[in-house]
Structures are given as structure tokens and as C-alpha cells.
Amino acid sequence: MGNGRHAASWLVGGVAALIVGGCSGSEPTAPSAGSASAAAPPALASSAPPSESPAAAAIPDSIPAIAFLQVVDAPGKAKEKPNRLGAGDQKLPAFCKSSYETKDQVGVRATQLLLFASEDAPEGSTPKAAVYEDVIVYRNDGAEQFMASLRKAVQGCATQKDDSGVTLKNFLRGPVPGGGDDSVLIERTRPATDDAGEPVAGQVHSLFWAAVRQGDTIAFVSNTGWESGSAEKGDTVTLGTRAAARIKAWRG
């Protein structure tokens, strides 16, 4: 933030059904009276083999690198290869203490960090933004519940205070174009400060989140900007669209 700390520091906080084929056919015809021929054996009932509805993909043991955003997905110039983080290293944002992660239905989860600079930034320049991405595979309908609960949490938390008492404002900004089966873009604003931590009159600092769902999988992208620099909506939309394509290619 403006005091030199990273912008992320103010983040608060089937079973397949068997469809049994029906039996068809007719009863065997009885021989006519006095017929010398023996009765024909009963005709076998014709039946198509049982068919199954598509089964849900099994929960993987881990999440591969191909499921995450790659260097080529950065809306600018990636500073380095993405860095896989440990469990719990980067929490999802809090919205007035609302619980929306449906943790009891999480099958597997992983997080990475991607730093990128502007396309024309000189070598050695500071990043334009830090992008944290969580990829979460849910059991049952946990991914759908996640999206519904996330929207509800943001809607119920239009304003909140951070740990230092600064007022934060949260907004739903609609879906992410090409965002899979479901998606939402979220913006959070706070009063802007400069690199020395001094207030900048009339300006706000923004960060954005893009949550996209493909089947049972969520990609949650956090664009935190960098220090006193705001994250950009356009960059976040690009990241969300590409994150959705990545998990679709992986999970189908």
C-alpha cells in the first residue's frame, strides 16, 4: 500500500444413474391344434444394454500447473514464472465475516502467485500487479454453492472496516465474459494514499476479484495491484477469462 506494504495486506481478512433399457417383444405363438410340429422356443426379449448418464469426474489428488494461469496469460509482461504457494498462505477475502467458501465440500485446493508488469515496462521495473489464484475442486454441488454464497456475501457487505479502521466498499460488477458455467467480478475500493501513505484527495484505490466456475471447479483470481497502485478492471477481466479457459481445458 501507500506505506510500502503490498496491496494484498489490506485484504480483509454423481453418482451416475442407471437408465435401464425397457424390455420389448411378444409372447411366443402357440402352435395350432393338431399341428405335428413342436412348439417353437420362446422368443428372447430384445433389450438394449443399460446406458449411463455422464458420471462426475473423480476428485483429483492434486491440482496440476496446467490448471492455473500461465506466463502467457498475463495481461502484460510476467515478471517470473508463477510461484505455487502453501496451503493457507493467501486467504480469500472476507466480506463482513460472511462464510461463503463451503469448506466442508472442498475436495482439493491449491494457490499460486503471478506477478506481471506493463507490456512496455523496462527490465527491473516493479510489478504492475500481484495476482493470486486459487483453484478449488468441490464435491457434490459445492462449487455452485460457492458462487451463490459469494454473491450473497458481497451483497450483504456494501461497506466494512479494515483492521486499521479504513472504510472499504464492495461492489458486484457483473459476470466475466467467457467465464465458464458461472462467473462474477467483484471490486473493492478504499481511499487512495500515495507511496508515503498520505491520503490522495478525491481518489480511491481499487482491487478486483474474478470468480469463475467450470463444473465442479472454481478459479478465484485476486488482482491486488501493487503498493499504492490500483488494480485495473480490464486486466482482471482478461485474467478471469483466461483462468476459466484453463480450468475448462483441465476439467472439461
Protein backbone atom coordinates (compact mmCIF):
# COMPACT_ATOMS: atom_id res chain seq x y z
CA MET A 1 0.00 0.00 0.00
CA GLY A 2 1.00 3.58 0.27
CA ASN A 3 3.23 2.86 3.19
CA GLY A 4 5.24 0.42 1.08
CA ARG A 5 3.38 -2.66 2.17
CA HIS A 6 1.99 -4.94 -0.52
CA ALA A 7 -1.55 -4.15 -1.61
CA ALA A 8 -2.60 -7.66 -0.63
CA SER A 9 -2.07 -6.68 3.01
CA TRP A 10 -5.42 -4.92 3.14
CA LEU A 11 -7.42 -7.90 2.03
CA VAL A 12 -9.79 -8.35 4.93
CA GLY A 13 -9.28 -10.85 6.48
CA GLY A 14 -22.80 -38.25 -9.06
CA VAL A 15 -23.30 -40.70 -8.77
CA ALA A 16 -24.26 -41.83 -12.28
CA ALA A 17 -27.88 -43.02 -12.55
CA LEU A 18 -28.52 -46.26 -14.40
CA ILE A 19 -31.15 -45.91 -17.06
CA VAL A 20 -32.37 -49.45 -17.52
CA GLY A 21 -33.49 -50.21 -21.04
CA GLY A 22 -37.11 -51.37 -21.23
CA CYS A 23 -37.93 -54.85 -22.48
CA SER A 24 -39.88 -55.32 -25.69
CA GLY A 25 -41.16 -58.30 -27.67
CA SER A 26 -44.25 -60.55 -27.85
CA GLU A 27 -45.29 -63.80 -26.27
CA PRO A 28 -44.47 -66.91 -28.34
CA THR A 29 -47.28 -68.02 -30.65
CA ALA A 30 -48.86 -71.31 -29.60
CA PRO A 31 -49.00 -74.00 -32.32
CA SER A 32 -52.35 -74.60 -33.94
CA ALA A 33 -54.38 -77.56 -32.72
CA GLY A 34 -53.31 -80.84 -34.25
CA SER A 35 -50.08 -79.45 -35.57
CA ALA A 36 -47.39 -82.08 -35.85
CA SER A 37 -44.64 -79.56 -35.39
CA ALA A 38 -43.26 -78.90 -31.96
CA ALA A 39 -43.87 -75.55 -30.39
CA ALA A 40 -41.16 -73.02 -31.27
CA PRO A 41 -38.97 -71.93 -28.36
CA PRO A 42 -39.99 -68.63 -26.78
CA ALA A 43 -38.54 -65.58 -28.48
CA LEU A 44 -35.90 -63.81 -26.40
CA ALA A 45 -37.00 -60.39 -25.29
CA SER A 46 -34.99 -57.71 -27.04
CA SER A 47 -33.32 -55.16 -24.78
CA ALA A 48 -30.67 -52.51 -25.36
CA PRO A 49 -27.78 -52.59 -22.92
CA PRO A 50 -28.24 -50.23 -19.96
CA SER A 51 -26.94 -46.75 -20.56
CA GLU A 52 -25.47 -44.38 -18.01
CA SER A 53 -25.61 -40.62 -17.62
CA PRO A 54 -22.16 -39.00 -17.60
CA ALA A 55 -20.53 -39.55 -14.25
CA ALA A 56 -18.97 -36.71 -12.33
CA ALA A 57 -15.20 -36.62 -12.72
CA ALA A 58 -13.33 -38.04 -9.77
CA ILE A 59 -11.73 -35.59 -7.37
CA PRO A 60 -8.03 -35.41 -8.32
CA ASP A 61 -5.29 -35.99 -5.79
CA SER A 62 -3.69 -32.63 -6.60
CA ILE A 63 -4.03 -29.67 -8.93
CA PRO A 64 -1.51 -29.54 -11.80
CA ALA A 65 0.23 -26.42 -13.03
CA ILE A 66 -1.78 -26.50 -16.29
CA ALA A 67 -4.94 -25.70 -14.33
CA PHE A 68 -3.52 -22.31 -13.32
CA LEU A 69 -2.82 -19.10 -15.20
CA GLN A 70 0.47 -19.25 -17.11
CA VAL A 71 3.07 -16.66 -18.07
CA VAL A 72 1.40 -16.23 -21.46
CA ASP A 73 -1.91 -15.40 -19.74
CA ALA A 74 -0.62 -12.26 -18.04
CA PRO A 75 -2.20 -9.06 -19.40
CA GLY A 76 1.25 -7.56 -19.74
CA LYS A 77 4.74 -8.93 -19.14
CA ALA A 78 5.11 -11.63 -16.49
CA LYS A 79 7.93 -10.86 -14.08
CA GLU A 80 8.76 -14.52 -13.48
CA LYS A 81 7.24 -17.97 -13.60
CA PRO A 82 4.18 -18.47 -11.39
CA ASN A 83 5.01 -19.43 -7.83
CA ARG A 84 2.99 -22.19 -6.11
CA LEU A 85 2.13 -21.19 -2.56
CA GLY A 86 1.47 -23.28 0.52
CA ALA A 87 -1.94 -24.03 1.97
CA GLY A 88 -3.30 -21.01 3.78
CA ASP A 89 -0.60 -18.63 2.54
CA GLN A 90 -3.22 -16.41 0.92
CA LYS A 91 -6.73 -16.36 2.32
CA LEU A 92 -9.76 -15.46 0.24
CA PRO A 93 -11.20 -12.03 1.06
CA ALA A 94 -13.61 -11.55 3.93
CA PHE A 95 -16.93 -9.81 3.40
CA CYS A 96 -18.24 -8.75 6.81
CA LYS A 97 -17.28 -12.14 8.24
CA SER A 98 -19.71 -13.97 5.95
CA SER A 99 -18.85 -17.61 5.31
CA TYR A 100 -19.02 -18.45 1.61
CA GLU A 101 -16.22 -20.94 0.90
CA THR A 102 -18.26 -24.14 1.63
CA LYS A 103 -15.07 -25.63 3.05
CA ASP A 104 -16.78 -28.84 4.12
CA GLN A 105 -17.20 -29.78 0.44
CA VAL A 106 -13.68 -28.96 -0.77
CA GLY A 107 -12.05 -31.94 -2.48
CA VAL A 108 -8.68 -30.40 -3.32
CA ARG A 109 -7.32 -26.88 -3.42
CA ALA A 110 -4.13 -25.04 -4.36
CA THR A 111 -2.87 -21.46 -4.73
CA GLN A 112 -0.30 -19.68 -6.88
CA LEU A 113 1.11 -16.17 -7.28
CA LEU A 114 1.81 -14.47 -10.62
CA LEU A 115 3.48 -11.06 -10.87
CA PHE A 116 3.26 -9.01 -14.04
CA ALA A 117 4.34 -5.61 -15.29
CA SER A 118 3.07 -3.40 -18.10
CA GLU A 119 3.91 -4.62 -21.57
CA ASP A 120 6.26 -1.71 -22.17
CA ALA A 121 7.83 -1.67 -18.70
CA PRO A 122 11.66 -1.63 -18.69
CA GLU A 123 13.60 -4.55 -17.25
CA GLY A 124 13.88 -4.36 -13.49
CA SER A 125 10.74 -2.28 -13.02
CA THR A 126 8.38 -3.00 -10.17
CA PRO A 127 5.32 -5.14 -10.90
CA LYS A 128 2.09 -3.61 -12.04
CA ALA A 129 0.11 -6.14 -10.03
CA ALA A 130 0.27 -9.27 -7.94
CA VAL A 131 -2.25 -11.92 -8.95
CA TYR A 132 -3.17 -14.67 -6.53
CA GLU A 133 -5.20 -17.57 -7.92
CA ASP A 134 -6.97 -20.32 -6.02
CA VAL A 135 -8.15 -23.39 -7.92
CA ILE A 136 -10.65 -25.39 -5.87
CA VAL A 137 -12.35 -28.65 -6.83
CA TYR A 138 -15.56 -29.32 -4.91
CA ARG A 139 -17.57 -32.41 -4.10
CA ASN A 140 -21.25 -32.62 -4.98
CA ASP A 141 -22.70 -29.15 -5.69
CA GLY A 142 -20.17 -27.29 -3.56
CA ALA A 143 -18.91 -25.15 -6.47
CA GLU A 144 -22.43 -23.93 -7.24
CA GLN A 145 -22.98 -23.20 -3.56
CA PHE A 146 -19.71 -21.26 -3.50
CA MET A 147 -20.85 -18.91 -6.26
CA ALA A 148 -24.28 -18.33 -4.73
CA SER A 149 -22.84 -17.73 -1.26
CA LEU A 150 -20.12 -15.41 -2.60
CA ARG A 151 -22.69 -13.17 -4.31
CA LYS A 152 -24.81 -13.10 -1.17
CA ALA A 153 -21.79 -12.22 0.98
CA VAL A 154 -20.81 -9.27 -1.22
CA GLN A 155 -24.39 -8.01 -1.50
CA GLY A 156 -24.72 -8.10 2.28
CA CYS A 157 -21.46 -6.23 2.84
CA ALA A 158 -21.63 -2.99 0.86
CA THR A 159 -19.26 -1.35 3.36
CA GLN A 160 -16.91 -2.62 6.05
CA LYS A 161 -13.88 -1.52 8.05
CA ASP A 162 -10.40 -2.96 7.70
CA ASP A 163 -8.15 -3.66 10.67
CA SER A 164 -6.97 -0.05 10.74
CA GLY A 165 -10.49 1.39 10.65
CA VAL A 166 -10.46 2.45 6.99
CA THR A 167 -13.81 2.14 5.21
CA LEU A 168 -13.91 -0.35 2.36
CA LYS A 169 -16.69 -0.57 -0.22
CA ASN A 170 -17.63 -3.74 -2.11
CA PHE A 171 -19.38 -3.98 -5.46
CA LEU A 172 -20.66 -6.74 -7.74
CA ARG A 173 -19.58 -5.78 -11.27
CA GLY A 174 -21.43 -8.45 -13.28
CA PRO A 175 -20.20 -11.62 -14.95
CA VAL A 176 -16.80 -12.22 -16.54
CA PRO A 177 -17.06 -12.57 -20.35
CA GLY A 178 -16.29 -16.17 -21.27
CA GLY A 179 -16.29 -17.07 -17.59
CA GLY A 180 -17.31 -20.70 -17.85
CA ASP A 181 -20.57 -22.02 -16.40
CA ASP A 182 -20.84 -19.12 -13.95
CA SER A 183 -18.76 -16.11 -13.02
CA VAL A 184 -18.73 -12.85 -11.11
CA LEU A 185 -16.44 -9.82 -11.00
CA ILE A 186 -16.06 -8.02 -7.66
CA GLU A 187 -14.47 -4.65 -6.91
CA ARG A 188 -13.34 -3.28 -3.55
CA THR A 189 -12.38 0.35 -3.08
CA ARG A 190 -10.74 2.35 -0.32
CA PRO A 191 -9.44 5.92 -0.02
CA ALA A 192 -6.22 6.24 -2.02
CA THR A 193 -2.84 7.04 -0.48
CA ASP A 194 0.48 7.84 -2.07
CA ASP A 195 3.73 5.90 -1.67
CA ALA A 196 4.40 7.68 1.61
CA GLY A 197 0.99 6.67 2.99
CA GLU A 198 -0.51 10.15 2.71
CA PRO A 199 -4.14 10.48 1.57
CA VAL A 200 -4.75 11.49 -2.03
CA ALA A 201 -7.80 13.72 -2.12
CA GLY A 202 -10.63 12.67 -4.40
CA GLN A 203 -9.11 9.33 -5.40
CA VAL A 204 -9.77 5.73 -4.46
CA HIS A 205 -7.65 2.60 -4.63
CA SER A 206 -9.31 -0.46 -6.21
CA LEU A 207 -8.65 -4.14 -6.23
CA PHE A 208 -10.65 -6.77 -8.10
CA TRP A 209 -11.60 -10.41 -7.81
CA ALA A 210 -12.85 -12.67 -10.58
CA ALA A 211 -14.54 -15.92 -9.55
CA VAL A 212 -15.27 -18.36 -12.38
CA ARG A 213 -16.81 -21.83 -12.25
CA GLN A 214 -16.48 -24.73 -14.66
CA GLY A 215 -18.48 -27.73 -13.45
CA ASP A 216 -17.18 -28.67 -10.02
CA THR A 217 -14.15 -26.36 -10.16
CA ILE A 218 -13.67 -22.75 -9.07
CA ALA A 219 -10.85 -20.45 -10.15
CA PHE A 220 -10.72 -17.44 -7.84
CA VAL A 221 -8.43 -14.71 -9.17
CA SER A 222 -7.32 -11.85 -6.90
CA ASN A 223 -5.80 -8.82 -8.65
CA THR A 224 -4.36 -6.72 -5.84
CA GLY A 225 -2.48 -4.07 -7.80
CA TRP A 226 0.90 -3.11 -6.35
CA GLU A 227 1.59 -0.92 -3.33
CA SER A 228 -0.19 2.41 -3.93
CA GLY A 229 -1.18 1.47 -7.49
CA SER A 230 -4.73 0.28 -8.10
CA ALA A 231 -5.59 -2.93 -9.87
CA GLU A 232 -7.29 -2.48 -13.23
CA LYS A 233 -10.68 -3.88 -14.14
CA GLY A 234 -9.66 -4.71 -17.70
CA ASP A 235 -6.67 -6.73 -16.51
CA THR A 236 -8.89 -8.67 -14.11
CA VAL A 237 -11.46 -9.46 -16.80
CA THR A 238 -8.66 -10.78 -19.02
CA LEU A 239 -7.26 -12.89 -16.19
CA GLY A 240 -10.71 -14.24 -15.29
CA THR A 241 -11.49 -15.21 -18.87
CA ARG A 242 -8.15 -17.00 -19.27
CA ALA A 243 -8.48 -18.69 -15.87
CA ALA A 244 -11.86 -20.07 -16.96
CA ALA A 245 -10.34 -21.43 -20.16
CA ARG A 246 -7.57 -23.13 -18.15
CA ILE A 247 -9.88 -24.99 -15.77
CA LYS A 248 -12.20 -25.92 -18.66
CA ALA A 249 -9.31 -27.45 -20.58
CA TRP A 250 -8.28 -29.36 -17.46
CA ARG A 251 -11.65 -30.49 -16.06
CA GLY A 252 -13.83 -30.26 -19.18
